[in-house]
Protein backbone atom coordinates (compact mmCIF):
# COMPACT_ATOMS: atom_id res chain seq x y z
CA MET A 1 56.72 81.16 113.94
CA ASN A 2 60.44 80.67 113.42
CA LEU A 3 62.51 82.19 110.69
CA LEU A 4 62.41 79.20 108.18
CA THR A 5 58.60 79.29 108.34
CA LYS A 6 58.28 82.97 107.74
CA ILE A 7 60.77 82.66 104.93
CA ASP A 8 58.58 79.78 103.42
CA ALA A 9 55.36 81.81 103.88
CA LYS A 10 57.12 84.89 102.33
CA SER A 11 56.08 86.80 105.53
CA ALA A 12 59.64 87.50 106.67
CA GLN A 13 60.40 91.19 106.64
CA VAL A 14 63.59 91.75 104.42
CA GLY A 15 66.04 94.58 104.95
CA VAL A 16 68.69 95.65 102.32
CA LEU A 17 71.58 97.93 103.36
CA GLY A 18 73.22 99.79 100.51
CA LEU A 19 70.89 100.71 97.66
CA GLY A 20 73.31 100.77 94.69
CA TYR A 21 74.15 98.59 91.75
CA VAL A 22 73.90 95.38 94.05
CA GLY A 23 71.47 96.26 96.43
CA LEU A 24 68.58 97.66 94.22
CA PRO A 25 68.31 94.59 92.05
CA LEU A 26 68.06 92.45 95.14
CA VAL A 27 65.08 94.62 96.46
CA ILE A 28 63.03 94.11 93.12
CA GLU A 29 63.68 90.30 93.06
CA PHE A 30 62.55 90.01 96.78
CA CYS A 31 59.36 92.09 96.09
CA ARG A 32 58.53 89.95 92.91
CA ALA A 33 58.89 87.02 95.00
CA GLY A 34 56.22 88.37 97.39
CA PHE A 35 58.40 89.65 100.36
CA HIS A 36 57.97 92.99 101.97
CA VAL A 37 61.23 94.97 101.75
CA CYS A 38 62.83 97.82 103.41
CA GLY A 39 65.93 99.57 101.84
CA PHE A 40 68.31 101.20 103.94
CA ASP A 41 70.83 104.02 102.82
CA LEU A 42 72.64 107.03 104.31
CA ASP A 43 71.95 108.81 101.05
CA GLU A 44 68.79 110.71 101.66
CA THR A 45 68.61 111.83 97.91
CA LYS A 46 68.57 108.03 96.94
CA VAL A 47 65.97 107.25 99.60
CA ASN A 48 63.80 110.11 98.50
CA LEU A 49 64.01 109.21 94.68
CA LEU A 50 63.15 105.45 95.42
CA ASN A 51 60.10 106.34 97.37
CA ALA A 52 58.95 108.49 94.65
CA GLY A 53 59.22 105.48 92.32
CA LYS A 54 62.36 106.93 90.61
CA SER A 55 65.58 105.28 89.79
CA TYR A 56 69.15 106.88 89.85
CA ILE A 57 70.77 103.82 88.02
CA ARG A 58 70.31 104.13 84.26
CA HIS A 59 69.58 100.32 83.39
CA ILE A 60 67.20 99.81 86.46
CA ASP A 61 63.82 101.15 85.31
CA LEU A 62 61.56 101.12 88.41
CA SER A 63 58.63 102.28 86.43
CA ALA A 64 58.70 98.88 84.69
CA VAL A 65 58.16 97.14 87.99
CA GLN A 66 56.17 99.55 90.08
CA ASN A 67 53.33 97.22 90.23
CA GLU A 68 55.43 94.87 92.02
CA LEU A 69 56.94 97.19 94.32
CA LYS A 70 53.90 98.81 95.37
CA GLY A 71 52.98 98.36 98.87
CA LYS A 72 55.88 96.01 99.38
CA PHE A 73 58.98 98.48 99.39
CA THR A 74 60.01 101.38 101.17
CA ALA A 75 63.29 103.14 101.59
CA THR A 76 64.66 104.74 104.80
CA THR A 77 67.59 106.48 106.30
CA ASP A 78 66.04 105.40 109.73
CA PHE A 79 68.32 102.36 110.87
CA SER A 80 66.31 101.93 114.05
CA LYS A 81 63.86 99.98 111.83
CA LEU A 82 66.46 97.14 111.42
CA ALA A 83 64.77 95.86 114.75
CA ASN A 84 61.78 95.03 112.59
CA MET A 85 63.66 93.05 109.96
CA ASP A 86 63.80 89.25 110.02
CA CYS A 87 66.58 89.05 107.40
CA ILE A 88 69.12 91.66 106.79
CA ILE A 89 71.52 91.74 103.70
CA VAL A 90 74.50 93.89 103.60
CA CYS A 91 75.58 95.47 100.37
CA VAL A 92 77.89 98.25 101.12
CA PRO A 93 81.23 99.34 99.46
CA THR A 94 84.54 97.77 100.15
CA PRO A 95 87.08 99.89 98.55
CA LEU A 96 90.89 100.21 98.98
CA ASN A 97 92.53 103.01 100.80
CA LYS A 98 95.37 105.19 99.45
CA ASN A 99 97.78 102.65 100.45
CA ARG A 100 95.87 99.98 98.30
CA GLU A 101 94.82 98.13 101.42
CA PRO A 102 91.15 97.18 102.36
CA ASP A 103 89.05 99.85 103.66
CA MET A 104 86.57 98.17 105.89
CA ARG A 105 85.03 101.17 107.49
CA TYR A 106 81.68 100.69 105.61
CA VAL A 107 81.28 97.05 106.43
CA PHE A 108 82.29 97.52 110.01
CA SER A 109 80.32 100.41 110.73
CA THR A 110 77.40 98.88 109.22
CA ALA A 111 77.91 95.83 111.56
CA GLN A 112 78.25 98.11 114.47
CA THR A 113 74.78 99.69 113.54
CA ILE A 114 73.16 96.34 113.31
CA SER A 115 74.51 95.23 116.52
CA GLN A 116 72.55 97.99 118.13
CA TYR A 117 69.13 96.63 116.77
CA ILE A 118 69.99 92.94 116.47
CA CYS A 119 67.19 90.48 117.59
CA ARG A 120 67.10 86.79 118.19
CA ASP A 121 66.50 84.54 115.22
CA GLN A 122 67.47 87.31 112.71
CA LEU A 123 69.45 86.41 109.56
CA ILE A 124 72.40 88.63 108.78
CA ILE A 125 74.09 88.07 105.40
CA LEU A 126 77.21 89.90 104.11
CA GLU A 127 77.34 90.28 100.26
CA SER A 128 80.17 92.81 100.09
CA THR A 129 83.25 91.30 98.39
CA THR A 130 86.09 90.98 101.18
CA TYR A 131 88.90 88.94 102.43
CA PRO A 132 88.30 85.29 104.00
CA GLY A 133 87.49 85.72 107.65
CA THR A 134 85.57 88.79 107.59
CA THR A 135 82.15 87.36 108.19
CA ASP A 136 82.95 84.58 110.78
CA HIS A 137 85.54 86.52 112.54
CA ASP A 138 85.45 90.25 112.24
CA VAL A 139 81.70 90.78 111.52
CA ARG A 140 80.63 88.18 113.90
CA ALA A 141 82.74 89.66 116.77
CA ILE A 142 81.07 93.20 116.17
CA LEU A 143 77.49 91.56 116.16
CA GLU A 144 78.19 89.66 119.43
CA LYS A 145 78.94 92.86 121.31
CA SER A 146 75.17 93.01 121.37
CA GLY A 147 75.34 89.98 123.93
CA LEU A 148 73.86 87.59 121.37
CA SER A 149 75.63 84.61 119.76
CA ALA A 150 76.01 83.88 116.04
CA GLY A 151 74.65 80.32 115.48
CA ARG A 152 72.71 80.13 118.72
CA ASP A 153 70.61 83.53 118.93
CA PHE A 154 71.02 84.72 115.39
CA HIS A 155 72.04 83.39 111.91
CA LEU A 156 75.08 84.63 110.09
CA ALA A 157 76.10 84.01 106.56
CA PHE A 158 77.95 85.27 103.46
CA SER A 159 76.98 85.27 99.89
CA PRO A 160 78.99 87.09 97.37
CA GLU A 161 77.38 89.49 94.92
CA ARG A 162 77.55 88.60 91.21
CA GLU A 163 75.90 91.50 89.84
CA ASP A 164 77.04 92.53 86.20
CA PRO A 165 75.25 95.94 85.33
CA ASN A 166 73.26 96.01 82.24
CA ASN A 167 74.14 92.14 81.40
CA GLN A 168 71.07 91.26 79.39
CA SER A 169 71.92 87.52 79.50
CA PHE A 170 72.24 86.98 83.15
CA THR A 171 70.05 88.51 86.13
CA VAL A 172 69.82 88.03 89.77
CA ARG A 173 67.49 85.05 89.36
CA THR A 174 69.51 83.26 86.79
CA ILE A 175 73.01 83.76 88.33
CA PRO A 176 73.96 80.86 90.62
CA LYS A 177 74.15 82.09 94.27
CA VAL A 178 76.95 80.85 96.36
CA VAL A 179 76.16 80.77 100.00
CA GLY A 180 78.30 79.83 103.12
CA GLY A 181 76.72 79.74 106.66
CA TYR A 182 78.47 80.27 110.08
CA THR A 183 76.75 76.94 111.19
CA PRO A 184 74.47 74.45 109.21
CA GLU A 185 71.54 76.15 110.65
CA CYS A 186 72.70 79.52 109.35
CA LEU A 187 73.25 78.06 106.00
CA ALA A 188 69.90 76.54 105.97
CA ALA A 189 68.22 80.07 106.65
CA ALA A 190 70.19 81.70 103.92
CA ARG A 191 69.77 79.14 101.61
CA ALA A 192 65.94 79.09 102.14
CA LEU A 193 65.97 82.99 101.70
CA TYR A 194 67.92 82.98 98.43
CA SER A 195 65.99 80.03 96.92
CA SER A 196 62.97 82.25 96.93
CA ILE A 197 64.49 84.58 94.24
CA VAL A 198 67.27 82.57 92.58
CA GLU A 199 67.11 79.54 90.40
CA ARG A 200 70.02 77.88 91.96
CA VAL A 201 71.69 78.18 95.26
CA VAL A 202 75.30 76.76 95.66
CA PRO A 203 75.79 75.88 99.30
CA VAL A 204 79.52 75.76 100.61
CA SER A 205 80.95 74.53 103.89
CA SER A 206 81.72 77.98 105.27
CA PRO A 207 81.60 81.71 104.78
CA ARG A 208 85.31 81.69 104.22
CA VAL A 209 84.87 79.47 101.28
CA ALA A 210 82.26 81.66 99.84
CA GLU A 211 84.48 84.71 100.39
CA ALA A 212 87.52 82.99 98.73
CA ALA A 213 85.21 82.08 95.83
CA LYS A 214 84.24 85.72 95.05
CA LEU A 215 87.96 86.64 95.15
CA LEU A 216 89.06 83.72 92.82
CA GLU A 217 86.37 84.75 90.18
CA ASN A 218 87.78 88.21 90.00
CA ILE A 219 91.44 87.33 90.42
CA TYR A 220 91.04 84.82 87.59
CA ARG A 221 89.70 87.69 85.38
CA SER A 222 92.39 90.18 86.58
CA VAL A 223 95.33 87.75 85.81
CA ASN A 224 94.02 86.94 82.31
CA ILE A 225 93.27 90.51 81.36
CA ALA A 226 96.76 91.36 82.49
CA LEU A 227 97.89 88.46 80.19
CA VAL A 228 96.42 89.89 77.00
CA ASN A 229 97.27 93.41 78.17
CA GLU A 230 100.96 92.42 78.18
CA LEU A 231 100.83 90.53 74.79
CA LYS A 232 98.87 93.86 73.30
CA MET A 233 102.05 95.79 74.18
CA LEU A 234 104.55 93.09 72.79
CA PHE A 235 102.47 92.49 69.63
CA ASP A 236 102.37 96.25 69.04
CA ARG A 237 106.06 96.19 68.86
CA MET A 238 105.85 93.03 66.51
CA ASP A 239 103.29 94.75 64.32
CA ILE A 240 100.69 92.37 65.05
CA ASP A 241 96.94 93.12 65.94
CA VAL A 242 96.15 91.53 69.28
CA TRP A 243 92.52 91.74 68.60
CA GLU A 244 92.91 89.86 65.48
CA VAL A 245 95.00 87.29 67.30
CA ILE A 246 92.30 86.85 70.01
CA ASP A 247 89.47 86.49 67.37
CA ALA A 248 91.67 83.70 65.79
CA ALA A 249 92.48 81.98 68.96
CA LYS A 250 88.98 81.84 70.32
CA THR A 251 87.87 79.90 67.33
CA LYS A 252 89.31 76.67 69.17
CA PRO A 253 86.44 75.16 70.69
CA PHE A 254 88.15 73.98 73.86
CA GLY A 255 90.96 74.97 76.21
CA PHE A 256 90.65 78.75 75.51
CA HIS A 257 88.63 81.63 76.78
CA ALA A 258 88.89 84.99 75.23
CA PHE A 259 89.72 88.15 77.48
CA TYR A 260 90.28 91.45 75.96
CA PRO A 261 92.69 94.27 76.56
CA GLY A 262 91.99 97.80 77.76
CA PRO A 263 93.23 101.14 78.83
CA GLY A 264 93.15 99.80 82.57
CA LEU A 265 90.76 98.00 84.82
CA GLY A 266 87.49 99.69 86.04
CA GLY A 267 84.43 98.59 88.21
CA HIS A 268 84.11 97.97 91.75
CA CYS A 269 85.58 94.35 91.47
CA ILE A 270 88.41 93.60 89.27
CA PRO A 271 90.81 96.63 90.22
CA ILE A 272 90.10 96.13 93.82
CA ASP A 273 89.26 92.49 95.07
CA PRO A 274 92.60 90.90 94.41
CA PHE A 275 94.29 93.27 96.69
CA TYR A 276 91.98 92.09 99.43
CA LEU A 277 93.38 88.66 99.24
CA THR A 278 97.23 89.94 98.79
CA TRP A 279 96.50 92.00 102.05
CA LYS A 280 95.21 89.13 104.03
CA ALA A 281 98.05 86.71 102.74
CA ARG A 282 100.63 88.61 104.54
CA GLU A 283 99.00 87.67 107.90
CA TYR A 284 100.03 84.02 106.76
CA GLU A 285 103.49 85.07 105.61
CA PHE A 286 102.68 84.38 102.04
CA ASN A 287 103.44 86.52 99.04
CA THR A 288 100.72 86.48 96.28
CA ARG A 289 103.30 87.22 93.43
CA PHE A 290 101.14 86.03 90.50
CA ILE A 291 98.42 88.51 91.80
CA GLU A 292 100.50 91.45 92.34
CA LEU A 293 102.21 91.11 89.05
CA ALA A 294 99.04 91.14 87.25
CA GLY A 295 98.07 94.20 89.14
CA GLU A 296 101.31 95.96 88.15
CA ILE A 297 100.58 95.17 84.42
CA ASN A 298 96.88 96.29 84.51
CA ASN A 299 97.73 99.45 86.68
CA SER A 300 100.49 100.42 84.10
CA MET A 301 98.03 100.40 81.09
CA PRO A 302 97.07 104.03 81.54
CA ASP A 303 100.81 104.94 80.93
CA TYR A 304 100.87 103.02 77.87
CA VAL A 305 97.84 104.56 76.58
CA VAL A 306 99.10 108.14 77.31
CA MET A 307 102.44 107.25 75.27
CA LYS A 308 100.20 106.27 72.29
CA CYS A 309 98.50 109.74 72.67
CA MET A 310 101.76 111.28 72.54
CA LYS A 311 102.54 109.51 69.40
CA ALA A 312 99.38 110.15 67.83
CA LEU A 313 99.63 113.91 68.54
CA ASN A 314 103.15 113.80 67.35
CA SER A 315 102.26 112.35 63.89
CA VAL A 316 100.33 115.76 63.08
CA GLY A 317 103.18 117.79 64.63
CA LYS A 318 101.55 118.69 68.08
CA HIS A 319 102.54 118.17 71.54
CA VAL A 320 100.40 116.82 74.50
CA HIS A 321 101.07 120.08 76.41
CA GLY A 322 98.24 122.59 75.22
CA SER A 323 96.49 120.12 73.22
CA LYS A 324 92.56 119.68 73.56
CA ILE A 325 91.90 115.96 74.10
CA LEU A 326 88.36 114.37 74.13
CA ILE A 327 88.05 111.18 76.14
CA LEU A 328 85.16 109.05 74.76
CA GLY A 329 83.55 107.11 77.69
CA LEU A 330 83.74 107.72 81.34
CA ALA A 331 81.93 104.54 82.26
CA TYR A 332 84.09 101.58 83.09
CA LYS A 333 82.38 99.21 80.69
CA ALA A 334 80.11 99.56 77.66
CA ASN A 335 76.45 100.87 77.63
CA VAL A 336 76.25 101.51 81.34
CA ASP A 337 76.40 104.66 83.54
CA ASP A 338 78.65 103.29 86.26
CA CYS A 339 82.04 104.98 86.35
CA ARG A 340 83.35 103.51 89.61
CA GLU A 341 87.29 103.01 89.33
CA SER A 342 87.13 103.71 85.72
CA PRO A 343 90.32 103.96 84.06
CA SER A 344 89.15 107.27 82.24
CA TYR A 345 89.76 109.11 85.47
CA ARG A 346 93.34 108.13 85.62
CA LEU A 347 93.79 108.87 82.03
CA MET A 348 92.12 112.33 82.30
CA GLU A 349 94.50 112.96 85.40
CA LYS A 350 97.75 111.88 83.73
CA LEU A 351 96.87 113.87 80.49
CA GLU A 352 96.21 117.00 82.46
CA GLU A 353 99.46 116.52 84.52
CA LEU A 354 101.29 116.91 80.94
CA GLY A 355 99.41 119.99 80.19
CA ALA A 356 96.59 118.92 78.09
CA GLU A 357 93.17 120.31 78.13
CA VAL A 358 90.97 117.25 78.63
CA ASN A 359 87.28 116.81 78.21
CA TYR A 360 85.04 113.89 78.19
CA ASN A 361 82.06 112.36 76.07
CA ASP A 362 79.74 109.80 77.55
CA PRO A 363 76.12 109.41 76.49
CA TYR A 364 75.24 107.72 79.58
CA ILE A 365 77.02 110.19 82.21
CA PRO A 366 75.94 113.69 81.22
CA ILE A 367 77.71 114.90 84.47
CA ILE A 368 80.45 113.44 86.42
CA PRO A 369 78.97 112.45 89.95
CA PRO A 370 80.80 112.80 93.29
CA SER A 371 83.28 110.13 94.02
CA ARG A 372 85.77 109.32 96.79
CA GLU A 373 88.94 109.25 94.64
CA TYR A 374 88.21 111.76 91.92
CA ALA A 375 85.99 114.26 93.78
CA LYS A 376 87.72 116.99 91.78
CA TYR A 377 85.97 115.99 88.60
CA ALA A 378 82.55 116.03 90.05
CA GLY A 379 80.23 118.43 88.02
CA ARG A 380 82.06 118.32 84.70
CA GLN A 381 79.85 117.88 81.96
CA SER A 382 79.96 115.74 78.77
CA GLN A 383 81.04 117.50 75.54
CA SER A 384 80.00 116.70 72.15
CA ILE A 385 82.34 114.91 69.54
CA ASP A 386 83.65 117.30 67.12
CA SER A 387 86.74 118.44 65.28
CA SER A 388 87.51 121.25 67.76
CA HIS A 389 89.72 118.63 69.77
CA ASP A 390 93.33 117.97 68.69
CA LEU A 391 92.94 114.28 69.74
CA MET A 392 90.19 111.69 70.48
CA LEU A 393 90.81 108.78 72.89
CA ILE A 394 88.19 105.94 72.88
CA ALA A 395 88.23 104.50 76.48
CA THR A 396 84.80 102.93 76.54
CA ALA A 397 83.10 100.71 73.77
CA HIS A 398 79.80 102.49 73.98
CA ASP A 399 77.48 101.23 70.83
CA GLU A 400 76.98 105.07 70.18
CA TYR A 401 80.71 105.23 69.17
CA ARG A 402 80.40 102.63 66.55
CA ASP A 403 78.18 104.82 64.55
CA VAL A 404 80.61 107.79 64.59
CA ASP A 405 82.23 108.67 61.23
CA PHE A 406 85.69 109.45 62.70
CA ARG A 407 87.47 109.87 59.41
CA ALA A 408 85.17 112.66 58.62
CA LEU A 409 86.51 114.54 61.76
CA GLN A 410 90.13 114.31 60.42
CA THR A 411 91.34 114.21 63.94
CA PRO A 412 93.87 111.83 65.31
CA ILE A 413 92.17 108.88 67.37
CA VAL A 414 93.58 106.67 69.82
CA ASP A 415 91.33 103.50 70.10
CA THR A 416 91.63 101.30 73.27
CA ARG A 417 88.57 99.19 72.46
CA ASN A 418 89.12 98.12 68.94
CA ILE A 419 86.03 100.44 67.92
CA ILE A 420 87.50 101.58 64.56
CA LYS A 421 87.93 98.99 61.78
CA ASP A 422 89.13 101.69 59.40
CA ASN A 423 92.75 102.04 58.36
CA ASN A 424 94.09 105.56 58.57
CA PRO A 425 97.60 107.00 59.46
CA ILE A 426 96.14 108.99 62.17
CA PHE A 427 94.02 106.20 63.78
CA PHE A 428 96.14 104.35 66.57
CA LYS A 429 95.30 101.37 68.43
CA ALA A 430 96.49 101.26 72.04
């Protein structure tokens, strides 16, 4: 039985490498569609939790889908089982290194592992965001060390993840899936697989087009966020509320899409993905000035917020040095427990460098988890919102913060998310 027949019959074994915010939702959708799925991860704790029917991601409730997963899903740290898979989907991190250059070790080491167990007629799909050429050049070269050839002995494709944690309007099934195959036959296999779990598959001519499409999506957001961040700083000097300006502008029914300012970029996409293209562009002797300028503006926002904190404390006769500051929100976006690349970490670091005692509050993150860049903060616990702090800095727009009576606390507030609508001399927008 060939691969397309297996996919059509739902008898193809699907392997998902990386069981995080991207991989776990894929597992659920494939199981719902009737496939048997094996999840692979290096983290033994995650594997044990999943096999016990428990989730480590707040907005993904495995208990709600237990019947659909039962008998169809198992998680493992044993990568030799890749040899039993018909379709393998790679969802591993693609961060930046300390020099703001692509850190490809997770993708390449995963490809090396797959090459040890790859079999004829398997389908390998990379979903990790990366620079154009990763799939059909770099990953292909690693996989072909096995002696098998892409497009002849096995299928190879790229399909960028479009996961938006806790988005109630769009799910894996309803978000269109862009797919690029190394050959037409590779595309057909990947298209057939994804068609079983998503409502619309968008085929493109190559993996490079699919890789570039993902980068364009996030560069578009990065550039527009940089624009409103820059206007926020300008309008602040002009005594104009940028949030009111945006609300007025978005009433135009055409030609305008609202983007909102913040304390800096967060998440695993917008702060990182644009730099994958700027790095690759150098190979072609091309300077991506627009992208890099947007990055400079967005990366400077924590400094602007710190300056606002200094001004707020000064308004009540205090200095940053020695002050107790509570950052409200560690997650990079509202109402999720995802703190990857959160600007709150950078704010915490900058304020502590100035001598402040900094705590945080986040109803979704009771304890700071281990991370690559901010390992020093792991284990810190969320603190209560009370008047024992000299300043509160709202960094995340959690719904819970909209119900807090900040006026009663009589504490200076710096609001980066337009949470507070109250006019008060000690409330500052940043």
